[in-house]
Amino acid sequence: MPVIFGNPWGALALLAVPALVAIWFLRKRRQSRIITTLFLVAEPERISRTGAVWTRFRQSAAFWSLLAALLLAAWLLAEPRWRRTQTVLPVAVVLDDSWSLQAGLGKTKEALRAKLKGITSQGITPTWFVLTTDANRGALYRGSNTDLVLASLDSWDPKKGTHDIRASLDSARSAVGVDGVVLLVTDEPKGPEGAGSADIFSVSSPEPNAAWLGGRVERAATGWKWSAWVRNFADKPIAVTCRVVQGAAQGKEETLELPAGALRQMSGPWPEEWTGARLVLSGDSFAGDNELPLQ
């Protein structure tokens, strides 16, 4: 079985081996001399005039123990891993169907495709099981063709509100077994409630978002008018555009400069012949709350 190293930089610990050998050869060794009386022994020089010199290597259990410890430390720091040449790994990809993933969905799909390709490039032959957290929807793909797995992501269009994901995760675990991998794709870095032991894949980041909170049509002194409230949910200012759409006709766009957390009311005339209209925002990353129907 081939060996791969998770941290090749750990091999730098081997640089300590020549240092150990040099220290061992240059260290001074005491010589034993048997004498009868101390006054016959000449007083030794307290300062070496020649400096360190190479000495003959002597067998020493301490030297070999230190050398073995250095080699073991370098081996462990390099994080060796053994892998089989033909490993079959069941992989279940669970796609979170929460509506919030619409923000940055394209970026998430692109990163996920790179992640799945990386699994196959490690000498692993995966068997795929792709599903969403919508328990009423069947599997998007089941098989071993990676190209079809990547293509199945095109049909992922998350639009559910708050929902329980545990049933889908249980189905995924049953499909791959205890030795398989369950990969949960979500926008919560720590995983949503009920994620359990699933591996979390998230590329989410804070995105600016403005949304309609509500609106109404009412009679005023000068005739009918509409009014609505829009809020900036981001922690920084955002600029969005607003327009009124009535049937095929689209009104003039108006730019709104909203400070962080700001709430603003908008209003305009409502012609009597109108039976309904839509207020449309654009310019933020999440389009799911950018339309407000009025009637």
Protein backbone atom coordinates (compact mmCIF):
# COMPACT_ATOMS: atom_id res chain seq x y z
CA MET A 1 0.00 0.00 0.00
CA PRO A 2 1.43 3.44 -0.92
CA VAL A 3 2.17 5.93 1.83
CA ILE A 4 1.21 9.58 1.58
CA PHE A 5 2.16 12.34 4.01
CA GLY A 6 -0.42 14.80 5.29
CA ASN A 7 2.28 17.25 6.45
CA PRO A 8 5.47 16.93 4.35
CA TRP A 9 6.98 19.89 6.23
CA GLY A 10 7.35 17.59 9.21
CA ALA A 11 10.36 16.06 7.45
CA LEU A 12 12.31 19.19 8.40
CA ALA A 13 12.72 17.61 11.82
CA LEU A 14 15.34 15.36 10.20
CA LEU A 15 17.68 18.36 10.19
CA ALA A 16 18.20 17.66 13.88
CA VAL A 17 19.93 14.33 13.06
CA PRO A 18 23.23 15.80 11.74
CA ALA A 19 23.21 18.24 14.66
CA LEU A 20 22.92 15.34 17.09
CA VAL A 21 25.77 13.46 15.40
CA ALA A 22 28.00 16.56 15.46
CA ILE A 23 27.31 17.16 19.13
CA TRP A 24 28.06 13.53 19.92
CA PHE A 25 31.42 13.55 18.15
CA LEU A 26 32.52 16.92 19.50
CA ARG A 27 31.68 16.36 23.13
CA LYS A 28 34.59 15.89 25.50
CA ARG A 29 35.03 12.57 27.18
CA ARG A 30 36.70 12.06 30.51
CA GLN A 31 39.60 9.64 30.69
CA SER A 32 40.15 7.44 33.72
CA ARG A 33 43.64 7.27 35.27
CA ILE A 34 44.54 5.09 38.26
CA ILE A 35 46.89 6.82 40.71
CA THR A 36 48.17 6.14 44.20
CA THR A 37 48.33 9.65 45.58
CA LEU A 38 46.75 12.92 44.51
CA PHE A 39 49.97 14.98 44.72
CA LEU A 40 51.38 13.04 41.77
CA VAL A 41 48.59 14.28 39.47
CA ALA A 42 49.35 17.43 37.51
CA GLU A 43 46.81 20.20 37.81
CA PRO A 44 44.55 20.06 34.68
CA GLU A 45 44.20 23.05 32.40
CA ARG A 46 40.95 24.88 33.09
CA ILE A 47 40.66 26.40 29.62
CA SER A 48 40.94 24.37 26.46
CA ARG A 49 43.44 25.95 24.08
CA THR A 50 42.58 23.77 21.10
CA GLY A 51 38.79 23.96 21.21
CA ALA A 52 36.47 21.13 20.30
CA VAL A 53 37.98 18.22 18.38
CA TRP A 54 36.48 15.19 16.70
CA THR A 55 36.66 12.07 18.82
CA ARG A 56 36.30 8.43 17.94
CA PHE A 57 32.70 7.22 17.93
CA ARG A 58 31.84 4.89 20.75
CA GLN A 59 28.82 2.67 21.01
CA SER A 60 26.27 4.33 23.29
CA ALA A 61 22.69 3.37 24.10
CA ALA A 62 21.93 7.03 24.81
CA PHE A 63 22.99 8.12 21.30
CA TRP A 64 20.89 5.47 19.57
CA SER A 65 17.91 6.28 21.81
CA LEU A 66 18.13 9.98 20.94
CA LEU A 67 18.49 9.19 17.23
CA ALA A 68 15.47 6.88 17.31
CA ALA A 69 13.43 9.55 19.13
CA LEU A 70 14.30 12.15 16.47
CA LEU A 71 13.38 9.82 13.61
CA LEU A 72 10.10 8.89 15.30
CA ALA A 73 9.25 12.56 15.87
CA ALA A 74 9.93 13.39 12.20
CA TRP A 75 7.78 10.46 11.10
CA LEU A 76 4.85 11.51 13.29
CA LEU A 77 5.11 15.19 12.32
CA ALA A 78 4.92 14.24 8.63
CA GLU A 79 1.55 12.55 9.35
CA PRO A 80 2.00 9.35 7.30
CA ARG A 81 -1.14 7.78 5.90
CA TRP A 82 -1.57 4.48 4.15
CA ARG A 83 -4.11 4.14 1.41
CA ARG A 84 -5.22 1.30 -0.74
CA THR A 85 -4.64 1.54 -4.46
CA GLN A 86 -8.30 0.86 -5.23
CA THR A 87 -10.48 2.18 -2.41
CA VAL A 88 -14.26 2.24 -2.80
CA LEU A 89 -15.83 4.88 -0.56
CA PRO A 90 -19.58 5.45 -0.25
CA VAL A 91 -20.28 9.20 -0.18
CA ALA A 92 -23.67 10.77 0.51
CA VAL A 93 -24.05 14.45 -0.40
CA VAL A 94 -26.95 16.07 1.44
CA LEU A 95 -27.97 19.48 0.04
CA ASP A 96 -29.64 21.86 2.47
CA ASP A 97 -32.92 23.06 0.94
CA SER A 98 -33.18 26.16 3.14
CA TRP A 99 -34.19 29.29 1.27
CA SER A 100 -31.26 31.22 2.73
CA LEU A 101 -28.86 29.31 0.47
CA GLN A 102 -30.17 31.26 -2.51
CA ALA A 103 -27.69 33.94 -1.43
CA GLY A 104 -24.43 32.94 -3.05
CA LEU A 105 -25.87 29.71 -4.45
CA GLY A 106 -23.69 29.85 -7.57
CA LYS A 107 -20.54 30.23 -5.49
CA THR A 108 -21.59 27.31 -3.27
CA LYS A 109 -22.19 25.03 -6.27
CA GLU A 110 -18.83 25.94 -7.79
CA ALA A 111 -16.96 25.21 -4.56
CA LEU A 112 -18.88 21.96 -4.07
CA ARG A 113 -17.99 20.73 -7.55
CA ALA A 114 -14.30 21.37 -6.78
CA LYS A 115 -14.68 19.49 -3.48
CA LEU A 116 -16.24 16.43 -5.13
CA LYS A 117 -13.62 16.37 -7.89
CA GLY A 118 -10.94 16.46 -5.19
CA ILE A 119 -12.32 13.26 -3.65
CA THR A 120 -11.87 11.34 -6.90
CA SER A 121 -8.36 12.75 -7.43
CA GLN A 122 -7.09 11.08 -4.24
CA GLY A 123 -7.15 7.59 -5.74
CA ILE A 124 -10.60 6.87 -4.28
CA THR A 125 -13.45 5.33 -6.24
CA PRO A 126 -16.61 6.83 -4.70
CA THR A 127 -20.15 5.59 -4.97
CA TRP A 128 -22.41 8.62 -4.82
CA PHE A 129 -25.77 9.25 -3.21
CA VAL A 130 -27.06 12.81 -3.69
CA LEU A 131 -30.23 14.08 -2.04
CA THR A 132 -31.70 17.23 -0.51
CA THR A 133 -33.11 17.89 2.95
CA ASP A 134 -36.61 17.93 1.45
CA ALA A 135 -37.89 14.59 2.71
CA ASN A 136 -40.62 14.53 0.05
CA ARG A 137 -38.13 14.66 -2.80
CA GLY A 138 -36.29 11.64 -4.09
CA ALA A 139 -32.56 11.25 -4.63
CA LEU A 140 -31.00 13.49 -7.25
CA TYR A 141 -28.46 10.83 -8.19
CA ARG A 142 -27.27 7.41 -7.11
CA GLY A 143 -24.31 5.73 -8.80
CA SER A 144 -20.57 5.97 -9.44
CA ASN A 145 -20.40 8.46 -12.34
CA THR A 146 -18.85 11.67 -11.00
CA ASP A 147 -19.84 13.68 -14.08
CA LEU A 148 -23.51 12.87 -13.47
CA VAL A 149 -23.11 13.86 -9.82
CA LEU A 150 -21.80 17.28 -10.84
CA ALA A 151 -24.63 17.67 -13.36
CA SER A 152 -27.25 16.80 -10.72
CA LEU A 153 -26.32 19.93 -8.77
CA ASP A 154 -27.98 22.04 -11.48
CA SER A 155 -31.40 20.85 -10.25
CA TRP A 156 -30.73 21.98 -6.68
CA ASP A 157 -32.91 25.04 -6.09
CA PRO A 158 -33.38 25.54 -2.32
CA LYS A 159 -36.67 27.22 -1.43
CA LYS A 160 -37.83 25.71 1.85
CA GLY A 161 -38.26 27.60 5.10
CA THR A 162 -37.40 26.17 8.50
CA HIS A 163 -37.54 22.37 8.30
CA ASP A 164 -36.18 19.24 9.97
CA ILE A 165 -33.16 17.78 8.19
CA ARG A 166 -32.73 14.69 10.37
CA ALA A 167 -34.83 12.39 8.17
CA SER A 168 -32.65 13.13 5.13
CA LEU A 169 -29.45 12.63 7.14
CA ASP A 170 -30.76 9.30 8.45
CA SER A 171 -31.48 8.21 4.87
CA ALA A 172 -27.98 9.25 3.81
CA ARG A 173 -26.34 7.34 6.66
CA SER A 174 -28.38 4.23 5.88
CA ALA A 175 -27.30 4.45 2.23
CA VAL A 176 -23.54 4.69 2.88
CA GLY A 177 -23.24 2.66 6.10
CA VAL A 178 -21.04 3.34 9.10
CA ASP A 179 -17.86 3.41 6.99
CA GLY A 180 -19.20 5.91 4.46
CA VAL A 181 -19.07 9.70 4.42
CA VAL A 182 -22.09 11.97 4.84
CA LEU A 183 -21.38 15.48 3.54
CA LEU A 184 -23.93 18.14 4.49
CA VAL A 185 -23.85 21.22 2.25
CA THR A 186 -25.28 24.19 4.14
CA ASP A 187 -24.75 27.88 4.81
CA GLU A 188 -24.09 27.44 8.53
CA PRO A 189 -20.37 26.85 9.23
CA LYS A 190 -21.10 24.83 12.39
CA GLY A 191 -24.03 23.01 10.82
CA PRO A 192 -27.74 23.42 11.54
CA GLU A 193 -29.53 21.72 14.40
CA GLY A 194 -29.73 17.98 13.83
CA ALA A 195 -26.56 17.78 11.72
CA GLY A 196 -25.17 15.10 14.05
CA SER A 197 -21.97 13.43 12.85
CA ALA A 198 -22.22 14.66 9.25
CA ASP A 199 -19.24 16.46 7.75
CA ILE A 200 -20.14 20.12 7.19
CA PHE A 201 -19.33 21.85 3.91
CA SER A 202 -20.04 25.57 3.94
CA VAL A 203 -18.60 28.45 1.92
CA SER A 204 -21.04 31.03 3.24
CA SER A 205 -20.06 34.55 4.18
CA PRO A 206 -22.08 37.57 5.36
CA GLU A 207 -23.96 39.06 2.42
CA PRO A 208 -25.70 42.47 2.32
CA ASN A 209 -29.46 42.12 2.19
CA ALA A 210 -32.42 44.50 2.08
CA ALA A 211 -35.99 43.22 2.24
CA TRP A 212 -39.59 44.36 2.16
CA LEU A 213 -41.31 44.08 5.54
CA GLY A 214 -44.85 44.78 4.34
CA GLY A 215 -47.08 47.22 2.52
CA ARG A 216 -50.63 48.31 1.90
CA VAL A 217 -52.91 50.27 -0.44
CA GLU A 218 -55.11 52.95 1.18
CA ARG A 219 -57.22 55.97 0.30
CA ALA A 220 -55.68 59.36 1.00
CA ALA A 221 -56.98 62.91 0.68
CA THR A 222 -55.58 63.12 -2.86
CA GLY A 223 -56.68 59.64 -3.96
CA TRP A 224 -55.44 56.09 -3.58
CA LYS A 225 -51.79 55.47 -2.70
CA TRP A 226 -49.54 52.62 -1.81
CA SER A 227 -46.98 52.53 1.00
CA ALA A 228 -44.38 49.94 2.00
CA TRP A 229 -41.48 49.48 4.41
CA VAL A 230 -38.02 48.27 3.46
CA ARG A 231 -35.19 47.43 5.84
CA ASN A 232 -31.43 46.95 5.53
CA PHE A 233 -30.53 43.83 7.51
CA ALA A 234 -26.79 44.22 6.93
CA ASP A 235 -24.31 45.75 9.38
CA LYS A 236 -23.09 48.18 6.73
CA PRO A 237 -24.76 50.63 4.31
CA ILE A 238 -26.28 49.28 1.13
CA ALA A 239 -27.62 50.86 -2.07
CA VAL A 240 -30.58 49.16 -3.77
CA THR A 241 -33.01 50.14 -6.50
CA CYS A 242 -36.79 49.99 -6.24
CA ARG A 243 -39.44 50.03 -8.95
CA VAL A 244 -43.17 49.42 -9.26
CA VAL A 245 -44.22 46.70 -11.73
CA GLN A 246 -47.85 46.64 -12.88
CA GLY A 247 -48.50 43.95 -15.44
CA ALA A 248 -46.04 44.41 -18.31
CA ALA A 249 -45.38 48.03 -17.36
CA GLN A 250 -42.43 48.86 -15.16
CA GLY A 251 -42.15 52.14 -13.32
CA LYS A 252 -39.10 54.32 -12.96
CA GLU A 253 -36.31 52.95 -10.82
CA GLU A 254 -35.47 54.78 -7.63
CA THR A 255 -32.16 54.34 -5.78
CA LEU A 256 -32.29 53.88 -2.03
CA GLU A 257 -29.27 54.53 0.18
CA LEU A 258 -29.93 52.56 3.37
CA PRO A 259 -27.62 52.88 6.39
CA ALA A 260 -26.84 49.78 8.45
CA GLY A 261 -30.03 48.44 10.04
CA ALA A 262 -32.12 51.31 8.64
CA LEU A 263 -35.89 51.07 8.16
CA ARG A 264 -37.48 53.32 5.52
CA GLN A 265 -41.04 53.89 4.35
CA MET A 266 -41.80 54.39 0.67
CA SER A 267 -45.04 55.48 -0.95
CA GLY A 268 -46.54 56.46 -4.28
CA PRO A 269 -49.82 56.99 -6.15
CA TRP A 270 -52.14 54.07 -6.91
CA PRO A 271 -54.21 54.61 -10.06
CA GLU A 272 -57.82 53.51 -9.70
CA GLU A 273 -57.61 51.18 -12.70
CA TRP A 274 -54.92 49.08 -11.03
CA THR A 275 -56.03 45.77 -9.58
CA GLY A 276 -52.59 44.74 -8.38
CA ALA A 277 -48.90 45.53 -8.63
CA ARG A 278 -45.50 44.39 -7.37
CA LEU A 279 -42.72 46.31 -5.64
CA VAL A 280 -39.34 45.00 -6.76
CA LEU A 281 -35.91 45.55 -5.16
CA SER A 282 -32.59 44.77 -6.81
CA GLY A 283 -28.95 45.21 -5.89
CA ASP A 284 -28.49 42.78 -3.00
CA SER A 285 -27.37 39.14 -2.96
CA PHE A 286 -30.64 37.51 -1.91
CA ALA A 287 -33.57 37.81 -4.32
CA GLY A 288 -36.03 35.74 -2.28
CA ASP A 289 -37.40 38.72 -0.33
CA ASN A 290 -37.09 41.37 -3.02
CA GLU A 291 -40.68 41.31 -4.29
CA LEU A 292 -43.79 42.53 -2.47
CA PRO A 293 -47.24 42.03 -4.08
CA LEU A 294 -49.87 44.74 -3.47
CA GLN A 295 -53.55 44.84 -4.28
